[in-house]
């Protein structure tokens, strides 16, 4: 299960994720991000309550990163050790802006 909370402040958006970003929930995040990606130049993904990311979730993050890198910035904040380990193993920690 994945809970998604969106806050839009002008051209900046904060999207907070809670739960698991996996095969079952990746499409849900992809749909939720569509409007956000069109309306924003600064996207912050808050992973404080995100417990797990699968390859399907990584694909959604990479897609969002590609769109945002062409028009602004995307950063990840409050990334847990477990999720950070996944990013390190897959090389995503070298690609994504993680604070």
C-alpha atoms as a PDB file:
ATOM      1  CA  UNK A   1       0.000   0.000   0.000  1.00  0.00           C
ATOM      2  CA  UNK A   2       1.152   3.531  -0.781  1.00  0.00           C
ATOM      3  CA  UNK A   3      -0.222   6.787   0.585  1.00  0.00           C
ATOM      4  CA  UNK A   4       0.546   9.867  -1.517  1.00  0.00           C
ATOM      5  CA  UNK A   5       0.170  13.403  -0.205  1.00  0.00           C
ATOM      6  CA  UNK A   6       0.692  16.356  -2.565  1.00  0.00           C
ATOM      7  CA  UNK A   7       1.274  20.000  -1.680  1.00  0.00           C
ATOM      8  CA  UNK A   8       1.522  22.578  -4.465  1.00  0.00           C
ATOM      9  CA  UNK A   9       3.018  26.001  -3.727  1.00  0.00           C
ATOM     10  CA  UNK A  10       3.180  27.963  -6.960  1.00  0.00           C
ATOM     11  CA  UNK A  11       5.676  26.202  -9.211  1.00  0.00           C
ATOM     12  CA  UNK A  12       7.027  24.129  -6.323  1.00  0.00           C
ATOM     13  CA  UNK A  13       5.518  20.824  -5.230  1.00  0.00           C
ATOM     14  CA  UNK A  14       6.147  18.480  -2.338  1.00  0.00           C
ATOM     15  CA  UNK A  15       4.993  14.894  -2.718  1.00  0.00           C
ATOM     16  CA  UNK A  16       5.179  12.756   0.423  1.00  0.00           C
ATOM     17  CA  UNK A  17       5.104   8.980   0.131  1.00  0.00           C
ATOM     18  CA  UNK A  18       4.224   6.498   2.862  1.00  0.00           C
ATOM     19  CA  UNK A  19       4.418   2.724   2.550  1.00  0.00           C
ATOM     20  CA  UNK A  20       5.758   0.648  -0.332  1.00  0.00           C
ATOM     21  CA  UNK A  21       6.531   1.870  -3.855  1.00  0.00           C
ATOM     22  CA  UNK A  22       6.369  -1.398  -5.774  1.00  0.00           C
ATOM     23  CA  UNK A  23       4.793  -3.129  -8.757  1.00  0.00           C
ATOM     24  CA  UNK A  24       1.317  -2.708  -7.262  1.00  0.00           C
ATOM     25  CA  UNK A  25       1.657   1.015  -6.449  1.00  0.00           C
ATOM     26  CA  UNK A  26       4.076   2.398  -9.083  1.00  0.00           C
ATOM     27  CA  UNK A  27       1.283   3.135 -11.583  1.00  0.00           C
ATOM     28  CA  UNK A  28      -0.643   5.014  -8.878  1.00  0.00           C
ATOM     29  CA  UNK A  29       2.365   7.279  -8.242  1.00  0.00           C
ATOM     30  CA  UNK A  30       2.899   7.718 -11.972  1.00  0.00           C
ATOM     31  CA  UNK A  31      -0.717   8.921 -12.351  1.00  0.00           C
ATOM     32  CA  UNK A  32      -0.458  11.242  -9.334  1.00  0.00           C
ATOM     33  CA  UNK A  33       2.753  12.796 -10.681  1.00  0.00           C
ATOM     34  CA  UNK A  34       1.398  13.559 -14.183  1.00  0.00           C
ATOM     35  CA  UNK A  35      -0.248  16.872 -13.259  1.00  0.00           C
ATOM     36  CA  UNK A  36       2.483  17.767 -10.789  1.00  0.00           C
ATOM     37  CA  UNK A  37       5.193  17.338 -13.434  1.00  0.00           C
ATOM     38  CA  UNK A  38       3.304  19.632 -15.821  1.00  0.00           C
ATOM     39  CA  UNK A  39       2.737  22.397 -13.273  1.00  0.00           C
ATOM     40  CA  UNK A  40       6.027  22.571 -11.410  1.00  0.00           C
ATOM     41  CA  UNK A  41       9.679  23.482 -11.868  1.00  0.00           C
ATOM     42  CA  UNK A  42      10.713  22.292  -8.400  1.00  0.00           C
ATOM     43  CA  UNK A  43       9.678  18.871  -7.154  1.00  0.00           C
ATOM     44  CA  UNK A  44      10.556  17.558  -3.705  1.00  0.00           C
ATOM     45  CA  UNK A  45       9.798  13.926  -2.919  1.00  0.00           C
ATOM     46  CA  UNK A  46       9.608  13.340   0.835  1.00  0.00           C
ATOM     47  CA  UNK A  47      10.502   9.713   1.584  1.00  0.00           C
ATOM     48  CA  UNK A  48      10.400   9.977   5.397  1.00  0.00           C
ATOM     49  CA  UNK A  49       7.682   7.295   5.645  1.00  0.00           C
ATOM     50  CA  UNK A  50       8.606   5.300   2.527  1.00  0.00           C
ATOM     51  CA  UNK A  51       9.703   1.811   3.546  1.00  0.00           C
ATOM     52  CA  UNK A  52      10.541   0.121   0.239  1.00  0.00           C
ATOM     53  CA  UNK A  53      11.155   0.806  -3.464  1.00  0.00           C
ATOM     54  CA  UNK A  54      11.078  -1.910  -6.144  1.00  0.00           C
ATOM     55  CA  UNK A  55      12.371  -1.759  -9.721  1.00  0.00           C
ATOM     56  CA  UNK A  56       8.915  -0.596 -10.862  1.00  0.00           C
ATOM     57  CA  UNK A  57       9.142   2.292  -8.392  1.00  0.00           C
ATOM     58  CA  UNK A  58      12.658   3.126  -9.558  1.00  0.00           C
ATOM     59  CA  UNK A  59      11.365   3.349 -13.132  1.00  0.00           C
ATOM     60  CA  UNK A  60       8.744   5.944 -12.089  1.00  0.00           C
ATOM     61  CA  UNK A  61      11.382   7.961 -10.219  1.00  0.00           C
ATOM     62  CA  UNK A  62      13.766   7.874 -13.181  1.00  0.00           C
ATOM     63  CA  UNK A  63      11.008   8.990 -15.550  1.00  0.00           C
ATOM     64  CA  UNK A  64      10.087  11.896 -13.253  1.00  0.00           C
ATOM     65  CA  UNK A  65      13.769  12.805 -12.920  1.00  0.00           C
ATOM     66  CA  UNK A  66      14.183  12.961 -16.712  1.00  0.00           C
ATOM     67  CA  UNK A  67      11.165  15.259 -17.079  1.00  0.00           C
ATOM     68  CA  UNK A  68      12.216  17.536 -14.215  1.00  0.00           C
ATOM     69  CA  UNK A  69      15.874  17.765 -15.251  1.00  0.00           C
ATOM     70  CA  UNK A  70      14.700  19.373 -18.496  1.00  0.00           C
ATOM     71  CA  UNK A  71      12.781  22.139 -16.747  1.00  0.00           C
ATOM     72  CA  UNK A  72      13.880  22.498 -13.166  1.00  0.00           C
ATOM     73  CA  UNK A  73      14.916  20.319 -10.258  1.00  0.00           C
ATOM     74  CA  UNK A  74      13.794  17.208  -8.429  1.00  0.00           C
ATOM     75  CA  UNK A  75      15.164  16.249  -5.051  1.00  0.00           C
ATOM     76  CA  UNK A  76      14.538  13.465  -2.554  1.00  0.00           C
ATOM     77  CA  UNK A  77      14.545  14.231   1.164  1.00  0.00           C
ATOM     78  CA  UNK A  78      14.334  12.153   4.362  1.00  0.00           C
ATOM     79  CA  UNK A  79      15.435   8.950   2.605  1.00  0.00           C
ATOM     80  CA  UNK A  80      15.625   6.005   5.050  1.00  0.00           C
ATOM     81  CA  UNK A  81      18.677   3.762   5.295  1.00  0.00           C
ATOM     82  CA  UNK A  82      16.760   0.853   3.736  1.00  0.00           C
ATOM     83  CA  UNK A  83      15.677   2.889   0.693  1.00  0.00           C
ATOM     84  CA  UNK A  84      19.108   4.534   0.419  1.00  0.00           C
ATOM     85  CA  UNK A  85      20.685   1.073   0.285  1.00  0.00           C
ATOM     86  CA  UNK A  86      18.460   0.242  -2.709  1.00  0.00           C
ATOM     87  CA  UNK A  87      19.523   3.494  -4.401  1.00  0.00           C
ATOM     88  CA  UNK A  88      23.204   2.714  -3.716  1.00  0.00           C
ATOM     89  CA  UNK A  89      23.000  -0.862  -5.035  1.00  0.00           C
ATOM     90  CA  UNK A  90      21.194   0.194  -8.221  1.00  0.00           C
ATOM     91  CA  UNK A  91      23.362   3.272  -8.844  1.00  0.00           C
ATOM     92  CA  UNK A  92      20.371   5.609  -8.477  1.00  0.00           C
ATOM     93  CA  UNK A  93      22.187   7.480  -5.690  1.00  0.00           C
ATOM     94  CA  UNK A  94      24.554   8.746  -8.414  1.00  0.00           C
ATOM     95  CA  UNK A  95      21.679   9.896 -10.628  1.00  0.00           C
ATOM     96  CA  UNK A  96      19.100  11.337  -8.244  1.00  0.00           C
ATOM     97  CA  UNK A  97      19.531  14.460  -6.128  1.00  0.00           C
ATOM     98  CA  UNK A  98      19.248  13.080  -2.574  1.00  0.00           C
ATOM     99  CA  UNK A  99      19.540  15.394   0.403  1.00  0.00           C
END
